[in-house]
Structure formats: C-alpha cells, structure tokens
Amino acid sequence: MSTPRTPLTPRALGIEQARERLSELIVVDVRTPGEYASGHLPGALNVPLDQLERALPALKESTAEPLMVCRSGARSEKACLLLAEHGVTAATLTGGTLAWAAGGHELDRPAGGARATWAMERQVRFTAGMLVLAGLGLGLLHPAWQLLSAGIAGGLVFSALTDTCGMAAILGRLPHNRPRAADLDATLAALSAR
C-alpha cells in the first residue's frame, strides 16, 4: 500500500535573502506581460501564472531553484503550490516586486517598446467600479439595470470568500495582458538553457 505524496511546502525568501542569491536562482515573474513590463526583478523571466504548466518541463530539468515573483506575493504563492504539486521545489519572494522596490532595489523594464499596463488588481478595481457606476446610472432609466451593480457586488464578495477572481481571469485574456507566442516561446527556451 502506498502512502499519499505530500506536496512540497513553498519557501518564502525575504528581499535581502533573494538579493544575495539572485545569481543562483531562476527568477520567474508570474504576472501578466503588461505588469511585467511595468518593472520586474533583474533577470526575471515572464511566465504568466495561467501559462506556468507549459514551463513545468524546463523547471523540472533545471538545477537552479526557481524564485516565483509577482506584485505582492499572492500569485507567486499559488505558483509555488502548483509547482509543488508537480514535484518542483520553489521559493516565493515575500512582498513581491512592491517590497523589492520599497527596499530600494532597482526594477528592470524591457527595452524596445514593451508597454506597461496597470497591475491586475488595479484593472479589476477599475472595471468593477465602472460596471457598478454604469449599472447605477442606467438604473435611472430602468430599474432592472441595477442588477448589474448587484451582480458585480456579489461577484466581489464571492471573490473575497473564495480567494479567486473571475473578473481577473477575464481581464487576463485581453490582448494587452496576453503574452505573444514568440515571447513565451523565447522565455521557455531561456528557462531550458538554465
């Protein structure tokens, strides 16, 4: 009888620990390409969280430990748990790029016209706010439009209770939040080379 496999527990690295070990880690930024373009850790490779499974073979073959990074640490923690399910030990950067920048460390930005976009959390707040205002405004014309505002409010409550976000999943599919196939393939090739 076999015993169930226990998933590997992700390790959290503080800013200074990560800075000291940066050259020996594979830094993987799991934010959207637009967020990545707004500033990332030096040498970080961009593999959006929803594309992380495509990078599993390269991460499994690598001898360097992956350091998963996002804006604040929530998505990188999810990335570490996903990797752990597949037998890859990874660390997460405590506080993400926000903490890195707040610690006085530089963030790299891609050269050559990569366009920075708002962080996903900010995109969600903006979209939710606009939809609520639209529902309230259109509700003056016909009360049924107020259901739009109620639906968004219910979605936000559900999102908080389940720690998931359907609106972020939808917004993540917009063109400015999607990696170009060539960019992701180049990133995966760079991962394989490490």
N, C-alpha and C. Protein backbone atom coordinates (compact mmCIF):
# COMPACT_ATOMS: atom_id res chain seq x y z
N MET A 1 0.86 -1.17 0.00
CA MET A 1 0.00 0.00 0.00
C MET A 1 0.90 1.23 0.00
N SER A 2 0.64 2.14 -0.91
CA SER A 2 1.48 3.34 -1.00
C SER A 2 0.90 4.46 -0.14
N THR A 3 1.80 5.29 0.34
CA THR A 3 1.37 6.44 1.13
C THR A 3 1.15 7.62 0.20
N PRO A 4 0.16 8.46 0.51
CA PRO A 4 -0.08 9.61 -0.36
C PRO A 4 1.12 10.55 -0.34
N ARG A 5 1.40 11.11 -1.52
CA ARG A 5 2.53 12.03 -1.65
C ARG A 5 2.17 13.36 -1.01
N THR A 6 3.03 13.85 -0.15
CA THR A 6 2.83 15.15 0.47
C THR A 6 3.42 16.22 -0.42
N PRO A 7 2.62 17.26 -0.77
CA PRO A 7 3.17 18.30 -1.62
C PRO A 7 4.30 19.04 -0.90
N LEU A 8 5.28 19.47 -1.69
CA LEU A 8 6.40 20.22 -1.14
C LEU A 8 5.91 21.58 -0.65
N THR A 9 6.41 22.01 0.49
CA THR A 9 6.00 23.28 1.04
C THR A 9 6.84 24.40 0.45
N PRO A 10 6.18 25.43 -0.11
CA PRO A 10 6.95 26.53 -0.68
C PRO A 10 7.69 27.29 0.42
N ARG A 11 8.84 27.77 0.06
CA ARG A 11 9.66 28.53 0.98
C ARG A 11 9.56 30.00 0.61
N ALA A 12 9.49 30.87 1.60
CA ALA A 12 9.45 32.31 1.36
C ALA A 12 10.84 32.89 1.59
N LEU A 13 11.30 33.67 0.62
CA LEU A 13 12.57 34.37 0.76
C LEU A 13 12.29 35.85 0.96
N GLY A 14 12.95 36.43 1.95
CA GLY A 14 12.86 37.86 2.15
C GLY A 14 13.63 38.59 1.07
N ILE A 15 13.45 39.88 1.01
CA ILE A 15 14.08 40.70 -0.02
C ILE A 15 15.60 40.57 0.01
N GLU A 16 16.20 40.69 1.16
CA GLU A 16 17.66 40.63 1.24
C GLU A 16 18.19 39.23 0.94
N GLN A 17 17.47 38.19 1.39
CA GLN A 17 17.88 36.82 1.08
C GLN A 17 17.86 36.60 -0.43
N ALA A 18 16.80 37.07 -1.07
CA ALA A 18 16.68 36.90 -2.53
C ALA A 18 17.76 37.70 -3.25
N ARG A 19 18.03 38.92 -2.80
CA ARG A 19 19.03 39.76 -3.45
C ARG A 19 20.40 39.11 -3.40
N GLU A 20 20.74 38.52 -2.26
CA GLU A 20 22.05 37.86 -2.09
C GLU A 20 22.17 36.62 -2.98
N ARG A 21 21.05 35.94 -3.25
CA ARG A 21 21.09 34.69 -4.01
C ARG A 21 20.60 34.84 -5.45
N LEU A 22 20.39 36.07 -5.90
CA LEU A 22 19.79 36.30 -7.20
C LEU A 22 20.51 35.58 -8.34
N SER A 23 21.83 35.54 -8.29
CA SER A 23 22.59 34.93 -9.38
C SER A 23 22.46 33.41 -9.42
N GLU A 24 22.05 32.79 -8.33
CA GLU A 24 21.93 31.33 -8.31
C GLU A 24 20.48 30.85 -8.42
N LEU A 25 19.55 31.78 -8.57
CA LEU A 25 18.13 31.43 -8.69
C LEU A 25 17.64 31.67 -10.11
N ILE A 26 16.60 30.96 -10.50
CA ILE A 26 15.86 31.29 -11.72
C ILE A 26 14.67 32.12 -11.25
N VAL A 27 14.65 33.38 -11.60
CA VAL A 27 13.57 34.26 -11.18
C VAL A 27 12.48 34.22 -12.25
N VAL A 28 11.28 33.79 -11.85
CA VAL A 28 10.14 33.68 -12.75
C VAL A 28 9.04 34.62 -12.26
N ASP A 29 8.73 35.62 -13.07
CA ASP A 29 7.67 36.58 -12.76
C ASP A 29 6.38 36.05 -13.35
N VAL A 30 5.38 35.80 -12.50
CA VAL A 30 4.14 35.16 -12.94
C VAL A 30 3.02 36.16 -13.23
N ARG A 31 3.36 37.44 -13.32
CA ARG A 31 2.35 38.45 -13.64
C ARG A 31 2.09 38.46 -15.15
N THR A 32 1.11 39.24 -15.55
CA THR A 32 0.80 39.36 -16.97
C THR A 32 1.96 40.10 -17.66
N PRO A 33 2.09 39.95 -18.98
CA PRO A 33 3.16 40.64 -19.69
C PRO A 33 3.14 42.16 -19.50
N GLY A 34 1.96 42.74 -19.44
CA GLY A 34 1.87 44.18 -19.22
C GLY A 34 2.39 44.58 -17.84
N GLU A 35 2.05 43.80 -16.84
CA GLU A 35 2.54 44.08 -15.49
C GLU A 35 4.06 43.89 -15.43
N TYR A 36 4.54 42.85 -16.07
CA TYR A 36 5.97 42.56 -16.13
C TYR A 36 6.71 43.75 -16.76
N ALA A 37 6.13 44.32 -17.80
CA ALA A 37 6.75 45.44 -18.49
C ALA A 37 6.83 46.68 -17.61
N SER A 38 5.98 46.76 -16.60
CA SER A 38 5.99 47.93 -15.71
C SER A 38 7.17 47.91 -14.75
N GLY A 39 7.88 46.80 -14.67
CA GLY A 39 9.06 46.69 -13.82
C GLY A 39 9.14 45.32 -13.16
N HIS A 40 10.31 44.69 -13.28
CA HIS A 40 10.49 43.34 -12.74
C HIS A 40 11.90 43.21 -12.16
N LEU A 41 12.11 42.16 -11.37
CA LEU A 41 13.44 41.90 -10.80
C LEU A 41 14.45 41.69 -11.91
N PRO A 42 15.70 42.09 -11.68
CA PRO A 42 16.73 41.89 -12.70
C PRO A 42 16.84 40.40 -13.08
N GLY A 43 16.84 40.14 -14.37
CA GLY A 43 16.98 38.78 -14.87
C GLY A 43 15.73 37.94 -14.82
N ALA A 44 14.62 38.51 -14.37
CA ALA A 44 13.38 37.73 -14.26
C ALA A 44 12.85 37.36 -15.64
N LEU A 45 12.33 36.15 -15.73
CA LEU A 45 11.67 35.67 -16.94
C LEU A 45 10.16 35.72 -16.71
N ASN A 46 9.42 36.12 -17.72
CA ASN A 46 7.97 36.28 -17.57
C ASN A 46 7.24 35.04 -18.06
N VAL A 47 6.62 34.32 -17.12
CA VAL A 47 5.74 33.20 -17.44
C VAL A 47 4.45 33.46 -16.64
N PRO A 48 3.42 34.01 -17.30
CA PRO A 48 2.18 34.30 -16.58
C PRO A 48 1.65 33.06 -15.87
N LEU A 49 1.02 33.28 -14.73
CA LEU A 49 0.54 32.18 -13.90
C LEU A 49 -0.31 31.19 -14.69
N ASP A 50 -1.16 31.68 -15.58
CA ASP A 50 -2.01 30.76 -16.34
C ASP A 50 -1.25 29.99 -17.42
N GLN A 51 0.02 30.31 -17.64
CA GLN A 51 0.85 29.60 -18.61
C GLN A 51 1.94 28.76 -17.93
N LEU A 52 1.94 28.73 -16.60
CA LEU A 52 3.02 28.11 -15.85
C LEU A 52 3.17 26.61 -16.15
N GLU A 53 2.09 25.94 -16.41
CA GLU A 53 2.19 24.50 -16.68
C GLU A 53 3.03 24.22 -17.93
N ARG A 54 3.04 25.15 -18.89
CA ARG A 54 3.88 24.98 -20.08
C ARG A 54 5.36 25.02 -19.73
N ALA A 55 5.70 25.68 -18.63
CA ALA A 55 7.10 25.82 -18.22
C ALA A 55 7.55 24.68 -17.31
N LEU A 56 6.64 23.81 -16.91
CA LEU A 56 6.99 22.73 -15.97
C LEU A 56 8.16 21.87 -16.44
N PRO A 57 8.19 21.41 -17.68
CA PRO A 57 9.33 20.57 -18.08
C PRO A 57 10.68 21.27 -17.90
N ALA A 58 10.76 22.53 -18.29
CA ALA A 58 12.02 23.27 -18.16
C ALA A 58 12.37 23.49 -16.69
N LEU A 59 11.39 23.77 -15.86
CA LEU A 59 11.65 23.98 -14.44
C LEU A 59 12.07 22.68 -13.75
N LYS A 60 11.50 21.56 -14.17
CA LYS A 60 11.88 20.28 -13.60
C LYS A 60 13.31 19.90 -13.95
N GLU A 61 13.76 20.25 -15.15
CA GLU A 61 15.10 19.90 -15.60
C GLU A 61 16.18 20.82 -15.05
N SER A 62 15.80 21.98 -14.61
CA SER A 62 16.78 22.97 -14.15
C SER A 62 17.42 22.55 -12.83
N THR A 63 18.69 22.88 -12.69
CA THR A 63 19.39 22.60 -11.43
C THR A 63 19.27 23.76 -10.47
N ALA A 64 18.87 24.94 -10.98
CA ALA A 64 18.71 26.12 -10.12
C ALA A 64 17.31 26.15 -9.52
N GLU A 65 17.22 26.68 -8.32
CA GLU A 65 15.93 26.79 -7.64
C GLU A 65 15.13 27.95 -8.23
N PRO A 66 13.85 27.71 -8.55
CA PRO A 66 13.02 28.81 -9.04
C PRO A 66 12.59 29.73 -7.90
N LEU A 67 12.63 31.03 -8.16
CA LEU A 67 12.08 32.04 -7.26
C LEU A 67 10.90 32.65 -7.99
N MET A 68 9.71 32.40 -7.48
CA MET A 68 8.50 32.89 -8.11
C MET A 68 8.19 34.28 -7.55
N VAL A 69 7.85 35.19 -8.47
CA VAL A 69 7.64 36.58 -8.09
C VAL A 69 6.36 37.11 -8.75
N CYS A 70 5.65 37.95 -8.03
CA CYS A 70 4.52 38.68 -8.59
C CYS A 70 4.51 40.07 -7.96
N ARG A 71 3.40 40.73 -8.00
CA ARG A 71 3.34 42.10 -7.48
C ARG A 71 3.46 42.13 -5.95
N SER A 72 2.67 41.29 -5.26
CA SER A 72 2.65 41.35 -3.80
C SER A 72 2.96 40.03 -3.12
N GLY A 73 2.94 38.94 -3.86
CA GLY A 73 3.25 37.63 -3.29
C GLY A 73 2.13 36.63 -3.37
N ALA A 74 0.90 37.06 -3.66
CA ALA A 74 -0.24 36.14 -3.68
C ALA A 74 -0.17 35.18 -4.87
N ARG A 75 0.06 35.71 -6.07
CA ARG A 75 0.12 34.83 -7.25
C ARG A 75 1.37 33.96 -7.22
N SER A 76 2.47 34.49 -6.71
CA SER A 76 3.69 33.67 -6.66
C SER A 76 3.52 32.52 -5.66
N GLU A 77 2.77 32.75 -4.62
CA GLU A 77 2.47 31.67 -3.66
C GLU A 77 1.66 30.57 -4.36
N LYS A 78 0.66 30.97 -5.17
CA LYS A 78 -0.12 29.99 -5.92
C LYS A 78 0.78 29.24 -6.91
N ALA A 79 1.71 29.96 -7.53
CA ALA A 79 2.64 29.33 -8.47
C ALA A 79 3.49 28.29 -7.76
N CYS A 80 3.97 28.61 -6.57
CA CYS A 80 4.78 27.66 -5.79
C CYS A 80 3.98 26.42 -5.45
N LEU A 81 2.73 26.60 -5.09
CA LEU A 81 1.89 25.45 -4.76
C LEU A 81 1.63 24.58 -5.99
N LEU A 82 1.43 25.20 -7.14
CA LEU A 82 1.26 24.44 -8.39
C LEU A 82 2.52 23.65 -8.72
N LEU A 83 3.67 24.30 -8.58
CA LEU A 83 4.93 23.61 -8.83
C LEU A 83 5.14 22.46 -7.85
N ALA A 84 4.78 22.69 -6.59
CA ALA A 84 4.94 21.66 -5.57
C ALA A 84 4.11 20.42 -5.90
N GLU A 85 2.92 20.62 -6.47
CA GLU A 85 2.07 19.50 -6.87
C GLU A 85 2.76 18.64 -7.93
N HIS A 86 3.69 19.25 -8.67
CA HIS A 86 4.40 18.53 -9.73
C HIS A 86 5.83 18.19 -9.33
N GLY A 87 6.12 18.29 -8.02
CA GLY A 87 7.42 17.88 -7.52
C GLY A 87 8.56 18.87 -7.67
N VAL A 88 8.23 20.12 -7.95
CA VAL A 88 9.26 21.15 -8.11
C VAL A 88 9.26 22.04 -6.87
N THR A 89 10.40 22.08 -6.19
CA THR A 89 10.53 22.95 -5.03
C THR A 89 10.84 24.36 -5.51
N ALA A 90 10.06 25.32 -5.06
CA ALA A 90 10.26 26.71 -5.45
C ALA A 90 10.09 27.60 -4.24
N ALA A 91 10.64 28.79 -4.35
CA ALA A 91 10.50 29.80 -3.30
C ALA A 91 9.68 30.95 -3.84
N THR A 92 9.06 31.68 -2.94
CA THR A 92 8.32 32.88 -3.30
C THR A 92 8.98 34.08 -2.67
N LEU A 93 8.93 35.20 -3.34
CA LEU A 93 9.51 36.43 -2.82
C LEU A 93 8.50 37.12 -1.92
N THR A 94 8.81 37.23 -0.65
CA THR A 94 7.92 37.86 0.31
C THR A 94 7.67 39.31 -0.09
N GLY A 95 6.42 39.65 -0.30
CA GLY A 95 6.06 41.03 -0.63
C GLY A 95 6.17 41.37 -2.10
N GLY A 96 6.71 40.47 -2.92
CA GLY A 96 6.77 40.68 -4.36
C GLY A 96 7.57 41.89 -4.80
N THR A 97 7.28 42.34 -6.02
CA THR A 97 8.02 43.47 -6.58
C THR A 97 7.75 44.76 -5.83
N LEU A 98 6.60 44.85 -5.17
CA LEU A 98 6.32 46.04 -4.36
C LEU A 98 7.34 46.15 -3.24
N ALA A 99 7.58 45.06 -2.53
CA ALA A 99 8.55 45.06 -1.43
C ALA A 99 9.96 45.26 -1.95
N TRP A 100 10.28 44.66 -3.11
CA TRP A 100 11.60 44.80 -3.72
C TRP A 100 11.89 46.28 -3.99
N ALA A 101 10.95 46.96 -4.63
CA ALA A 101 11.12 48.38 -4.94
C ALA A 101 11.13 49.23 -3.67
N ALA A 102 10.28 48.88 -2.71
CA ALA A 102 10.25 49.63 -1.45
C ALA A 102 11.56 49.48 -0.69
N GLY A 103 12.27 48.37 -0.90
CA GLY A 103 13.57 48.15 -0.26
C GLY A 103 14.70 48.90 -0.95
N GLY A 104 14.36 49.68 -1.96
CA GLY A 104 15.36 50.49 -2.64
C GLY A 104 16.09 49.78 -3.77
N HIS A 105 15.58 48.62 -4.19
CA HIS A 105 16.23 47.87 -5.26
C HIS A 105 15.60 48.23 -6.61
N GLU A 106 16.44 48.21 -7.63
CA GLU A 106 16.00 48.59 -8.97
C GLU A 106 15.11 47.52 -9.59
N LEU A 107 14.19 47.99 -10.41
CA LEU A 107 13.37 47.11 -11.23
C LEU A 107 13.78 47.33 -12.68
N ASP A 108 13.94 46.25 -13.42
CA ASP A 108 14.25 46.35 -14.85
C ASP A 108 12.96 46.51 -15.63
N ARG A 109 13.09 47.20 -16.75
CA ARG A 109 11.97 47.36 -17.67
C ARG A 109 12.44 46.95 -19.05
N PRO A 110 11.61 46.20 -19.79
CA PRO A 110 12.05 45.75 -21.11
C PRO A 110 12.32 46.92 -22.05
N ALA A 111 13.35 46.78 -22.84
CA ALA A 111 13.66 47.80 -23.85
C ALA A 111 12.85 47.49 -25.11
N GLY A 112 12.71 48.49 -25.93
CA GLY A 112 12.10 48.25 -27.23
C GLY A 112 10.60 48.33 -27.27
N GLY A 113 10.02 49.20 -26.49
CA GLY A 113 8.60 49.50 -26.66
C GLY A 113 7.63 48.58 -25.97
N ALA A 114 8.06 47.74 -25.08
CA ALA A 114 7.09 46.94 -24.34
C ALA A 114 6.22 47.89 -23.53
N ARG A 115 4.93 47.70 -23.60
CA ARG A 115 4.01 48.63 -22.99
C ARG A 115 3.62 48.17 -21.59
N ALA A 116 3.80 49.04 -20.62
CA ALA A 116 3.41 48.72 -19.25
C ALA A 116 1.90 48.93 -19.10
N THR A 117 1.27 48.08 -18.32
CA THR A 117 -0.15 48.25 -18.02
C THR A 117 -0.32 48.25 -16.51
N TRP A 118 -1.52 48.53 -16.11
CA TRP A 118 -1.83 48.52 -14.69
C TRP A 118 -1.71 47.11 -14.14
N ALA A 119 -1.46 47.03 -12.85
CA ALA A 119 -1.47 45.74 -12.16
C ALA A 119 -2.88 45.15 -12.26
N MET A 120 -2.96 43.83 -12.25
CA MET A 120 -4.25 43.16 -12.42
C MET A 120 -5.25 43.61 -11.35
N GLU A 121 -4.80 43.75 -10.13
CA GLU A 121 -5.70 44.18 -9.05
C GLU A 121 -6.32 45.54 -9.38
N ARG A 122 -5.49 46.45 -9.92
CA ARG A 122 -5.98 47.78 -10.28
C ARG A 122 -6.95 47.69 -11.46
N GLN A 123 -6.67 46.82 -12.43
CA GLN A 123 -7.59 46.64 -13.55
C GLN A 123 -8.94 46.13 -13.06
N VAL A 124 -8.92 45.20 -12.10
CA VAL A 124 -10.17 44.66 -11.56
C VAL A 124 -10.94 45.75 -10.82
N ARG A 125 -10.26 46.53 -9.99
CA ARG A 125 -10.95 47.60 -9.25
C ARG A 125 -11.59 48.60 -10.21
N PHE A 126 -10.84 48.99 -11.25
CA PHE A 126 -11.35 49.95 -12.23
C PHE A 126 -12.57 49.39 -12.95
N THR A 127 -12.46 48.16 -13.45
CA THR A 127 -13.56 47.55 -14.20
C THR A 127 -14.79 47.36 -13.32
N ALA A 128 -14.59 46.87 -12.11
CA ALA A 128 -15.72 46.67 -11.20
C ALA A 128 -16.39 48.01 -10.89
N GLY A 129 -15.60 49.02 -10.61
CA GLY A 129 -16.15 50.35 -10.31
C GLY A 129 -16.93 50.92 -11.48
N MET A 130 -16.37 50.77 -12.69
CA MET A 130 -17.07 51.28 -13.89
C MET A 130 -18.38 50.54 -14.13
N LEU A 131 -18.38 49.23 -13.92
CA LEU A 131 -19.61 48.46 -14.11
C LEU A 131 -20.66 48.82 -13.07
N VAL A 132 -20.25 49.04 -11.83
CA VAL A 132 -21.20 49.44 -10.79
C VAL A 132 -21.79 50.81 -11.11
N LEU A 133 -20.92 51.75 -11.50
CA LEU A 133 -21.42 53.08 -11.87
C LEU A 133 -22.35 53.02 -13.08
N ALA A 134 -22.02 52.20 -14.07
CA ALA A 134 -22.88 52.04 -15.24
C ALA A 134 -24.23 51.47 -14.84
N GLY A 135 -24.22 50.47 -13.97
CA GLY A 135 -25.47 49.87 -13.51
C GLY A 135 -26.33 50.86 -12.75
N LEU A 136 -25.70 51.69 -11.92
CA LEU A 136 -26.46 52.69 -11.17
C LEU A 136 -26.99 53.79 -12.10
N GLY A 137 -26.14 54.22 -13.04
CA GLY A 137 -26.57 55.26 -13.98
C GLY A 137 -27.69 54.78 -14.88
N LEU A 138 -27.54 53.59 -15.46
CA LEU A 138 -28.58 53.04 -16.32
C LEU A 138 -29.82 52.67 -15.52
N GLY A 139 -29.64 52.42 -14.21
CA GLY A 139 -30.77 52.13 -13.34
C GLY A 139 -31.73 53.30 -13.22
N LEU A 140 -31.24 54.51 -13.52
CA LEU A 140 -32.12 55.68 -13.53
C LEU A 140 -33.09 55.61 -14.71
N LEU A 141 -32.64 54.96 -15.80
CA LEU A 141 -33.51 54.80 -16.97
C LEU A 141 -34.47 53.65 -16.80
N HIS A 142 -33.94 52.56 -16.25
CA HIS A 142 -34.78 51.39 -16.00
C HIS A 142 -34.21 50.64 -14.79
N PRO A 143 -35.00 50.39 -13.78
CA PRO A 143 -34.51 49.78 -12.54
C PRO A 143 -33.82 48.43 -12.72
N ALA A 144 -34.13 47.72 -13.79
CA ALA A 144 -33.53 46.40 -13.99
C ALA A 144 -32.02 46.49 -14.15
N TRP A 145 -31.51 47.63 -14.63
CA TRP A 145 -30.06 47.80 -14.80
C TRP A 145 -29.31 47.78 -13.47
N GLN A 146 -30.01 48.03 -12.38
CA GLN A 146 -29.36 48.00 -11.07
C GLN A 146 -28.89 46.59 -10.72
N LEU A 147 -29.44 45.60 -11.41
CA LEU A 147 -28.99 44.22 -11.20
C LEU A 147 -27.53 44.04 -11.61
N LEU A 148 -27.06 44.84 -12.57
CA LEU A 148 -25.66 44.80 -12.96
C LEU A 148 -24.77 45.15 -11.76
N SER A 149 -25.14 46.23 -11.06
CA SER A 149 -24.38 46.63 -9.87
C SER A 149 -24.45 45.57 -8.79
N ALA A 150 -25.62 44.99 -8.60
CA ALA A 150 -25.79 43.94 -7.59
C ALA A 150 -24.96 42.71 -7.96
N GLY A 151 -24.94 42.36 -9.24
CA GLY A 151 -24.15 41.21 -9.69
C GLY A 151 -22.66 41.41 -9.46
N ILE A 152 -22.16 42.62 -9.74
CA ILE A 152 -20.75 42.92 -9.51
C ILE A 152 -20.44 42.86 -8.02
N ALA A 153 -21.31 43.43 -7.20
CA ALA A 153 -21.10 43.38 -5.75
C ALA A 153 -21.07 41.93 -5.25
N GLY A 154 -21.99 41.11 -5.73
CA GLY A 154 -22.00 39.70 -5.35
C GLY A 154 -20.73 38.98 -5.81
N GLY A 155 -20.27 39.31 -7.01
CA GLY A 155 -19.04 38.72 -7.52
C GLY A 155 -17.83 39.09 -6.68
N LEU A 156 -17.78 40.34 -6.22
CA LEU A 156 -16.66 40.77 -5.37
C LEU A 156 -16.67 40.05 -4.02
N VAL A 157 -17.87 39.87 -3.46
CA VAL A 157 -17.97 39.14 -2.19
C VAL A 157 -17.53 37.69 -2.39
N PHE A 158 -18.02 37.06 -3.46
CA PHE A 158 -17.63 35.68 -3.77
C PHE A 158 -16.12 35.58 -3.97
N SER A 159 -15.56 36.55 -4.67
CA SER A 159 -14.12 36.59 -4.92
C SER A 159 -13.33 36.63 -3.62
N ALA A 160 -13.78 37.46 -2.68
CA ALA A 160 -13.10 37.57 -1.39
C ALA A 160 -13.22 36.28 -0.59
N LEU A 161 -14.37 35.66 -0.62
CA LEU A 161 -14.59 34.44 0.17
C LEU A 161 -13.81 33.25 -0.37
N THR A 162 -13.66 33.17 -1.68
CA THR A 162 -13.01 32.01 -2.29
C THR A 162 -11.56 32.27 -2.67
N ASP A 163 -11.11 33.50 -2.55
CA ASP A 163 -9.76 33.91 -2.95
C ASP A 163 -9.50 33.55 -4.42
N THR A 164 -10.52 33.73 -5.23
CA THR A 164 -10.41 33.59 -6.68
C THR A 164 -10.97 34.86 -7.29
N CYS A 165 -10.74 35.08 -8.55
CA CYS A 165 -11.29 36.28 -9.17
C CYS A 165 -11.61 36.00 -10.63
N GLY A 166 -12.88 35.80 -10.89
CA GLY A 166 -13.34 35.56 -12.25
C GLY A 166 -13.09 36.75 -13.16
N MET A 167 -13.24 37.96 -12.61
CA MET A 167 -13.01 39.16 -13.42
C MET A 167 -11.55 39.25 -13.83
N ALA A 168 -10.62 38.89 -12.94
CA ALA A 168 -9.19 38.91 -13.28
C ALA A 168 -8.91 37.87 -14.37
N ALA A 169 -9.59 36.72 -14.30
CA ALA A 169 -9.40 35.70 -15.33
C ALA A 169 -9.87 36.21 -16.68
N ILE A 170 -10.97 36.94 -16.70
CA ILE A 170 -11.48 37.51 -17.96
C ILE A 170 -10.55 38.61 -18.45
N LEU A 171 -10.16 39.52 -17.56
CA LEU A 171 -9.28 40.62 -17.96
C LEU A 171 -7.91 40.10 -18.41
N GLY A 172 -7.48 39.00 -17.83
CA GLY A 172 -6.20 38.41 -18.21
C GLY A 172 -6.18 37.91 -19.64
N ARG A 173 -7.36 37.74 -20.24
CA ARG A 173 -7.45 37.27 -21.62
C ARG A 173 -7.43 38.42 -22.64
N LEU A 174 -7.47 39.66 -22.15
CA LEU A 174 -7.41 40.80 -23.07
C LEU A 174 -6.03 40.87 -23.72
N PRO A 175 -5.96 41.39 -24.93
CA PRO A 175 -4.68 41.38 -25.67
C PRO A 175 -3.50 41.99 -24.93
N HIS A 176 -3.71 43.07 -24.20
CA HIS A 176 -2.58 43.70 -23.52
C HIS A 176 -2.08 42.90 -22.32
N ASN A 177 -2.83 41.93 -21.89
CA ASN A 177 -2.43 41.08 -20.76
C ASN A 177 -1.94 39.70 -21.20
N ARG A 178 -1.95 39.42 -22.49
CA ARG A 178 -1.57 38.11 -23.00
C ARG A 178 -0.15 38.15 -23.54
N PRO A 179 0.63 37.10 -23.29
CA PRO A 179 1.96 37.05 -23.90
C PRO A 179 1.83 36.72 -25.39
N ARG A 180 2.68 37.31 -26.19
CA ARG A 180 2.74 36.89 -27.58
C ARG A 180 3.40 35.53 -27.60
N ALA A 181 2.99 34.68 -28.51
CA ALA A 181 3.51 33.31 -28.58
C ALA A 181 5.03 33.31 -28.68
N ALA A 182 5.57 34.22 -29.47
CA ALA A 182 7.03 34.27 -29.64
C ALA A 182 7.73 34.63 -28.33
N ASP A 183 7.13 35.54 -27.56
CA ASP A 183 7.73 35.93 -26.28
C ASP A 183 7.76 34.76 -25.31
N LEU A 184 6.64 34.03 -25.22
CA LEU A 184 6.57 32.91 -24.28
C LEU A 184 7.51 31.79 -24.73
N ASP A 185 7.59 31.55 -26.03
CA ASP A 185 8.50 30.51 -26.53
C ASP A 185 9.96 30.87 -26.22
N ALA A 186 10.31 32.15 -26.38
CA ALA A 186 11.67 32.60 -26.07
C ALA A 186 11.96 32.46 -24.58
N THR A 187 10.96 32.76 -23.76
CA THR A 187 11.12 32.62 -22.31
C THR A 187 11.33 31.16 -21.94
N LEU A 188 10.54 30.28 -22.53
CA LEU A 188 10.68 28.85 -22.24
C LEU A 188 12.03 28.32 -22.70
N ALA A 189 12.52 28.84 -23.83
CA ALA A 189 13.87 28.43 -24.30
C ALA A 189 14.93 28.92 -23.33
N ALA A 190 14.78 30.13 -22.80
CA ALA A 190 15.74 30.66 -21.82
C ALA A 190 15.68 29.84 -20.53
N LEU A 191 14.50 29.40 -20.14
CA LEU A 191 14.36 28.55 -18.94
C LEU A 191 15.08 27.22 -19.16
N SER A 192 14.92 26.65 -20.33
CA SER A 192 15.54 25.36 -20.63
C SER A 192 17.06 25.45 -20.63
N ALA A 193 17.58 26.63 -20.95
CA ALA A 193 19.03 26.81 -21.03
C ALA A 193 19.68 26.91 -19.64
N ARG A 194 18.86 27.06 -18.62
CA ARG A 194 19.42 27.23 -17.26
C ARG A 194 19.48 25.94 -16.53
